[in-house]
Amino acid sequence: MTELASKIALFIDGANTYAAAKTLGFDIDYKRLLKEFQDRGVLVRALYYTAIIEDQEFSPLRPLIDWLGYNGFTVVTKPSKEFIDASGRRKVKGNMDIELTVDAMELAGHVDQIVLFSGDGDFRYLVEAVQRRGVHVTVVSTVSCHPPMVADELRRQADVFIDLVDLKSKFGRDPAARPPPRGSRLLP
């Protein structure tokens, strides 16, 4: 790596990225993802955003969140909110857009490139704002499903758009290769 290596920050919208990878039929190997971007420049920060359900005895997200926190990621969480909608159905809401946006604006002065893993069109204005500060923005999501999981306005605003399916060989993992949950017995 040269002295002029690009300073990179990753911003991963956990729920959005999980949904995109699941739609494409693979899990993300976050260790390999981290290595991929460390190889592309100086990785200043890798942030992962997710809402968690507080009152669950065991959250399926907990092992991932713990692993990420011990392996080079800054994990940003907040409790999700439960409510009953107008038709009486229980809904869970956990939007992390504000947290991701504030962190990206704070880091924009310290990096050359932001890689945003999300297809959420609400981030278009954030992308435009950090571009005005001279930061190059790559958006990672997918158009390889119907409907596409990236908002057209976000994809158009990005300096570079990478389809998540094109990164599958670099840090994808077959969901069938996932280790069994702790405490489960393997059948012979």
C-alpha atoms as a PDB file:
ATOM      1  CA  MET A   1       0.000   0.000   0.000  1.00  0.00           C
ATOM      2  CA  THR A   2       1.328   3.454  -0.855  1.00  0.00           C
ATOM      3  CA  GLU A   3       1.207   6.609   1.231  1.00  0.00           C
ATOM      4  CA  LEU A   4      -1.641   7.775  -0.976  1.00  0.00           C
ATOM      5  CA  ALA A   5      -3.870   4.797  -0.223  1.00  0.00           C
ATOM      6  CA  SER A   6      -7.512   5.780  -0.102  1.00  0.00           C
ATOM      7  CA  LYS A   7      -9.025   6.159   3.377  1.00  0.00           C
ATOM      8  CA  ILE A   8     -12.271   4.163   3.421  1.00  0.00           C
ATOM      9  CA  ALA A   9     -15.232   3.942   5.785  1.00  0.00           C
ATOM     10  CA  LEU A  10     -17.881   1.215   5.498  1.00  0.00           C
ATOM     11  CA  PHE A  11     -21.464   1.889   6.547  1.00  0.00           C
ATOM     12  CA  ILE A  12     -23.595  -1.260   6.634  1.00  0.00           C
ATOM     13  CA  ASP A  13     -27.366  -0.975   6.991  1.00  0.00           C
ATOM     14  CA  GLY A  14     -27.700  -4.407   8.626  1.00  0.00           C
ATOM     15  CA  ALA A  15     -31.373  -5.130   7.941  1.00  0.00           C
ATOM     16  CA  ASN A  16     -31.234  -3.872   4.357  1.00  0.00           C
ATOM     17  CA  THR A  17     -28.027  -5.752   3.532  1.00  0.00           C
ATOM     18  CA  TYR A  18     -29.280  -8.961   5.163  1.00  0.00           C
ATOM     19  CA  ALA A  19     -32.498  -8.784   3.119  1.00  0.00           C
ATOM     20  CA  ALA A  20     -30.582  -8.195  -0.135  1.00  0.00           C
ATOM     21  CA  ALA A  21     -28.160 -11.088   0.476  1.00  0.00           C
ATOM     22  CA  LYS A  22     -31.015 -13.399   1.505  1.00  0.00           C
ATOM     23  CA  THR A  23     -32.932 -12.513  -1.678  1.00  0.00           C
ATOM     24  CA  LEU A  24     -29.793 -13.381  -3.667  1.00  0.00           C
ATOM     25  CA  GLY A  25     -29.470 -16.718  -1.806  1.00  0.00           C
ATOM     26  CA  PHE A  26     -26.315 -16.229   0.247  1.00  0.00           C
ATOM     27  CA  ASP A  27     -25.020 -15.118   3.637  1.00  0.00           C
ATOM     28  CA  ILE A  28     -22.274 -12.531   4.002  1.00  0.00           C
ATOM     29  CA  ASP A  29     -18.986 -13.644   5.508  1.00  0.00           C
ATOM     30  CA  TYR A  30     -18.128 -10.440   7.375  1.00  0.00           C
ATOM     31  CA  LYS A  31     -14.525 -11.502   8.010  1.00  0.00           C
ATOM     32  CA  ARG A  32     -13.945 -11.791   4.254  1.00  0.00           C
ATOM     33  CA  LEU A  33     -15.894  -8.549   3.633  1.00  0.00           C
ATOM     34  CA  LEU A  34     -13.597  -6.694   6.058  1.00  0.00           C
ATOM     35  CA  LYS A  35     -10.491  -8.164   4.389  1.00  0.00           C
ATOM     36  CA  GLU A  36     -11.783  -7.184   0.934  1.00  0.00           C
ATOM     37  CA  PHE A  37     -12.007  -3.515   1.907  1.00  0.00           C
ATOM     38  CA  GLN A  38      -8.780  -3.536   3.940  1.00  0.00           C
ATOM     39  CA  ASP A  39      -7.096  -4.664   0.717  1.00  0.00           C
ATOM     40  CA  ARG A  40      -8.600  -1.697  -1.176  1.00  0.00           C
ATOM     41  CA  GLY A  41      -7.091   1.016   1.050  1.00  0.00           C
ATOM     42  CA  VAL A  42      -6.820   2.159   4.652  1.00  0.00           C
ATOM     43  CA  LEU A  43     -10.013   1.058   6.380  1.00  0.00           C
ATOM     44  CA  VAL A  44     -10.646   3.866   8.866  1.00  0.00           C
ATOM     45  CA  ARG A  45     -13.903   2.454  10.213  1.00  0.00           C
ATOM     46  CA  ALA A  46     -16.383  -0.344   9.499  1.00  0.00           C
ATOM     47  CA  LEU A  47     -19.774   0.363  11.045  1.00  0.00           C
ATOM     48  CA  TYR A  48     -22.720  -2.031  11.226  1.00  0.00           C
ATOM     49  CA  TYR A  49     -26.195  -0.673  12.118  1.00  0.00           C
ATOM     50  CA  THR A  50     -29.097  -2.733  13.394  1.00  0.00           C
ATOM     51  CA  ALA A  51     -32.094  -2.446  15.684  1.00  0.00           C
ATOM     52  CA  ILE A  52     -32.587  -5.218  18.226  1.00  0.00           C
ATOM     53  CA  ILE A  53     -35.655  -6.475  20.034  1.00  0.00           C
ATOM     54  CA  GLU A  54     -34.817  -5.847  23.686  1.00  0.00           C
ATOM     55  CA  ASP A  55     -37.279  -8.142  25.436  1.00  0.00           C
ATOM     56  CA  GLN A  56     -36.338 -11.313  23.567  1.00  0.00           C
ATOM     57  CA  GLU A  57     -34.568 -13.841  25.771  1.00  0.00           C
ATOM     58  CA  PHE A  58     -32.292 -14.727  22.854  1.00  0.00           C
ATOM     59  CA  SER A  59     -31.971 -12.653  19.702  1.00  0.00           C
ATOM     60  CA  PRO A  60     -30.747 -14.503  16.603  1.00  0.00           C
ATOM     61  CA  LEU A  61     -28.751 -11.317  15.880  1.00  0.00           C
ATOM     62  CA  ARG A  62     -26.799 -11.480  19.160  1.00  0.00           C
ATOM     63  CA  PRO A  63     -24.031 -13.882  17.991  1.00  0.00           C
ATOM     64  CA  LEU A  64     -23.446 -11.799  14.852  1.00  0.00           C
ATOM     65  CA  ILE A  65     -23.423  -8.517  16.783  1.00  0.00           C
ATOM     66  CA  ASP A  66     -20.987  -9.951  19.339  1.00  0.00           C
ATOM     67  CA  TRP A  67     -18.711 -11.374  16.628  1.00  0.00           C
ATOM     68  CA  LEU A  68     -18.688  -8.100  14.675  1.00  0.00           C
ATOM     69  CA  GLY A  69     -17.892  -6.117  17.826  1.00  0.00           C
ATOM     70  CA  TYR A  70     -14.864  -8.305  18.598  1.00  0.00           C
ATOM     71  CA  ASN A  71     -13.606  -8.453  15.007  1.00  0.00           C
ATOM     72  CA  GLY A  72     -13.044  -4.921  13.778  1.00  0.00           C
ATOM     73  CA  PHE A  73     -16.543  -3.519  13.358  1.00  0.00           C
ATOM     74  CA  THR A  74     -18.165  -0.723  15.300  1.00  0.00           C
ATOM     75  CA  VAL A  75     -21.678  -1.994  16.000  1.00  0.00           C
ATOM     76  CA  VAL A  76     -24.407   0.606  16.433  1.00  0.00           C
ATOM     77  CA  THR A  77     -27.663  -0.716  17.865  1.00  0.00           C
ATOM     78  CA  LYS A  78     -30.822   0.627  19.383  1.00  0.00           C
ATOM     79  CA  PRO A  79     -33.937  -1.063  20.694  1.00  0.00           C
ATOM     80  CA  SER A  80     -36.679  -1.590  18.162  1.00  0.00           C
ATOM     81  CA  LYS A  81     -40.154  -0.326  18.914  1.00  0.00           C
ATOM     82  CA  GLU A  82     -43.194  -2.585  18.912  1.00  0.00           C
ATOM     83  CA  PHE A  83     -46.645  -1.294  18.096  1.00  0.00           C
ATOM     84  CA  ILE A  84     -50.052  -2.462  16.914  1.00  0.00           C
ATOM     85  CA  ASP A  85     -51.045  -1.138  13.490  1.00  0.00           C
ATOM     86  CA  ALA A  86     -54.523   0.057  12.461  1.00  0.00           C
ATOM     87  CA  SER A  87     -55.590  -3.484  11.509  1.00  0.00           C
ATOM     88  CA  GLY A  88     -54.513  -4.913  14.874  1.00  0.00           C
ATOM     89  CA  ARG A  89     -51.289  -6.587  13.688  1.00  0.00           C
ATOM     90  CA  ARG A  90     -48.149  -6.428  15.819  1.00  0.00           C
ATOM     91  CA  LYS A  91     -45.365  -4.555  14.018  1.00  0.00           C
ATOM     92  CA  VAL A  92     -41.731  -4.005  14.897  1.00  0.00           C
ATOM     93  CA  LYS A  93     -39.941  -0.850  13.784  1.00  0.00           C
ATOM     94  CA  GLY A  94     -36.221  -0.217  14.067  1.00  0.00           C
ATOM     95  CA  ASN A  95     -34.936   2.457  11.717  1.00  0.00           C
ATOM     96  CA  MET A  96     -31.212   3.290  11.972  1.00  0.00           C
ATOM     97  CA  ASP A  97     -31.101   5.940   9.208  1.00  0.00           C
ATOM     98  CA  ILE A  98     -30.417   8.914  11.513  1.00  0.00           C
ATOM     99  CA  GLU A  99     -27.561   7.169  13.340  1.00  0.00           C
ATOM    100  CA  LEU A 100     -25.917   6.114  10.073  1.00  0.00           C
ATOM    101  CA  THR A 101     -26.358   9.591   8.564  1.00  0.00           C
ATOM    102  CA  VAL A 102     -24.882  11.445  11.553  1.00  0.00           C
ATOM    103  CA  ASP A 103     -21.891   9.084  11.700  1.00  0.00           C
ATOM    104  CA  ALA A 104     -21.269   9.414   7.946  1.00  0.00           C
ATOM    105  CA  MET A 105     -21.361  13.218   8.132  1.00  0.00           C
ATOM    106  CA  GLU A 106     -18.936  13.187  11.087  1.00  0.00           C
ATOM    107  CA  LEU A 107     -16.495  10.849   9.307  1.00  0.00           C
ATOM    108  CA  ALA A 108     -16.760  12.532   5.883  1.00  0.00           C
ATOM    109  CA  GLY A 109     -13.941  14.948   6.699  1.00  0.00           C
ATOM    110  CA  HIS A 110     -11.573  12.083   7.558  1.00  0.00           C
ATOM    111  CA  VAL A 111     -12.033   9.712   4.606  1.00  0.00           C
ATOM    112  CA  ASP A 112     -11.673   9.729   0.830  1.00  0.00           C
ATOM    113  CA  GLN A 113     -14.327   7.108   0.205  1.00  0.00           C
ATOM    114  CA  ILE A 114     -17.524   5.893   1.828  1.00  0.00           C
ATOM    115  CA  VAL A 115     -18.958   2.501   0.936  1.00  0.00           C
ATOM    116  CA  LEU A 116     -22.651   2.348   1.816  1.00  0.00           C
ATOM    117  CA  PHE A 117     -24.250  -1.093   2.002  1.00  0.00           C
ATOM    118  CA  SER A 118     -27.914  -0.164   1.584  1.00  0.00           C
ATOM    119  CA  GLY A 119     -30.504   0.305  -1.115  1.00  0.00           C
ATOM    120  CA  ASP A 120     -32.630   2.698   0.937  1.00  0.00           C
ATOM    121  CA  GLY A 121     -33.541   5.760  -1.132  1.00  0.00           C
ATOM    122  CA  ASP A 122     -33.650   7.856   2.041  1.00  0.00           C
ATOM    123  CA  PHE A 123     -29.838   7.905   1.872  1.00  0.00           C
ATOM    124  CA  ARG A 124     -29.724   9.766  -1.457  1.00  0.00           C
ATOM    125  CA  TYR A 125     -29.463  13.156   0.230  1.00  0.00           C
ATOM    126  CA  LEU A 126     -26.709  11.878   2.557  1.00  0.00           C
ATOM    127  CA  VAL A 127     -24.734  10.632  -0.452  1.00  0.00           C
ATOM    128  CA  GLU A 128     -25.118  14.020  -2.146  1.00  0.00           C
ATOM    129  CA  ALA A 129     -24.027  15.854   1.033  1.00  0.00           C
ATOM    130  CA  VAL A 130     -20.814  13.843   1.506  1.00  0.00           C
ATOM    131  CA  GLN A 131     -20.028  14.139  -2.212  1.00  0.00           C
ATOM    132  CA  ARG A 132     -20.140  17.946  -1.804  1.00  0.00           C
ATOM    133  CA  ARG A 133     -17.356  17.466   0.769  1.00  0.00           C
ATOM    134  CA  GLY A 134     -15.239  15.687  -1.840  1.00  0.00           C
ATOM    135  CA  VAL A 135     -15.920  12.135  -0.643  1.00  0.00           C
ATOM    136  CA  HIS A 136     -16.310   9.404  -3.268  1.00  0.00           C
ATOM    137  CA  VAL A 137     -19.379   7.236  -2.542  1.00  0.00           C
ATOM    138  CA  THR A 138     -19.898   3.618  -3.547  1.00  0.00           C
ATOM    139  CA  VAL A 139     -23.325   2.088  -2.955  1.00  0.00           C
ATOM    140  CA  VAL A 140     -23.632  -1.687  -2.613  1.00  0.00           C
ATOM    141  CA  SER A 141     -27.081  -3.245  -3.049  1.00  0.00           C
ATOM    142  CA  THR A 142     -28.800  -5.178  -5.816  1.00  0.00           C
ATOM    143  CA  VAL A 143     -30.782  -4.744  -9.011  1.00  0.00           C
ATOM    144  CA  SER A 144     -30.514  -8.501  -9.649  1.00  0.00           C
ATOM    145  CA  CYS A 145     -33.985  -9.270  -8.318  1.00  0.00           C
ATOM    146  CA  HIS A 146     -37.494  -8.087  -9.077  1.00  0.00           C
ATOM    147  CA  PRO A 147     -38.244  -5.540  -7.838  1.00  0.00           C
ATOM    148  CA  PRO A 148     -34.675  -4.227  -7.399  1.00  0.00           C
ATOM    149  CA  MET A 149     -33.665  -3.690  -3.762  1.00  0.00           C
ATOM    150  CA  VAL A 150     -31.893  -0.390  -4.440  1.00  0.00           C
ATOM    151  CA  ALA A 151     -33.814   2.814  -4.972  1.00  0.00           C
ATOM    152  CA  ASP A 152     -33.096   4.214  -8.419  1.00  0.00           C
ATOM    153  CA  GLU A 153     -32.363   7.707  -7.033  1.00  0.00           C
ATOM    154  CA  LEU A 154     -29.722   6.298  -4.647  1.00  0.00           C
ATOM    155  CA  ARG A 155     -28.076   4.246  -7.380  1.00  0.00           C
ATOM    156  CA  ARG A 156     -27.944   7.267  -9.705  1.00  0.00           C
ATOM    157  CA  GLN A 157     -26.507   9.560  -6.998  1.00  0.00           C
ATOM    158  CA  ALA A 158     -23.640   7.192  -6.127  1.00  0.00           C
ATOM    159  CA  ASP A 159     -20.267   7.660  -7.812  1.00  0.00           C
ATOM    160  CA  VAL A 160     -20.127   3.878  -8.203  1.00  0.00           C
ATOM    161  CA  PHE A 161     -22.833   1.251  -7.790  1.00  0.00           C
ATOM    162  CA  ILE A 162     -21.796  -2.343  -7.084  1.00  0.00           C
ATOM    163  CA  ASP A 163     -24.378  -5.088  -7.312  1.00  0.00           C
ATOM    164  CA  LEU A 164     -24.088  -7.302  -4.229  1.00  0.00           C
ATOM    165  CA  VAL A 165     -24.409 -10.381  -6.453  1.00  0.00           C
ATOM    166  CA  ASP A 166     -21.074  -9.417  -8.068  1.00  0.00           C
ATOM    167  CA  LEU A 167     -19.376  -9.607  -4.644  1.00  0.00           C
ATOM    168  CA  LYS A 168     -20.772 -13.046  -3.791  1.00  0.00           C
ATOM    169  CA  SER A 169     -17.553 -14.810  -4.838  1.00  0.00           C
ATOM    170  CA  LYS A 170     -15.491 -12.458  -2.646  1.00  0.00           C
ATOM    171  CA  PHE A 171     -17.437 -12.713   0.617  1.00  0.00           C
ATOM    172  CA  GLY A 172     -20.559 -14.791   0.075  1.00  0.00           C
ATOM    173  CA  ARG A 173     -21.296 -17.998   1.946  1.00  0.00           C
ATOM    174  CA  ASP A 174     -23.957 -20.631   1.295  1.00  0.00           C
ATOM    175  CA  PRO A 175     -26.599 -20.435   4.074  1.00  0.00           C
ATOM    176  CA  ALA A 176     -26.456 -24.249   4.294  1.00  0.00           C
ATOM    177  CA  ALA A 177     -22.822 -23.916   5.462  1.00  0.00           C
ATOM    178  CA  ARG A 178     -23.923 -21.883   8.493  1.00  0.00           C
ATOM    179  CA  PRO A 179     -22.993 -23.593  11.771  1.00  0.00           C
ATOM    180  CA  PRO A 180     -25.942 -24.957  13.764  1.00  0.00           C
ATOM    181  CA  PRO A 181     -27.233 -22.752  16.593  1.00  0.00           C
ATOM    182  CA  ARG A 182     -25.601 -23.315  19.955  1.00  0.00           C
ATOM    183  CA  GLY A 183     -27.352 -25.939  22.001  1.00  0.00           C
ATOM    184  CA  SER A 184     -28.809 -27.750  19.005  1.00  0.00           C
ATOM    185  CA  ARG A 185     -27.992 -31.410  18.556  1.00  0.00           C
ATOM    186  CA  LEU A 186     -26.655 -32.773  15.334  1.00  0.00           C
ATOM    187  CA  LEU A 187     -28.525 -35.776  14.034  1.00  0.00           C
ATOM    188  CA  PRO A 188     -26.438 -38.705  12.822  1.00  0.00           C
END
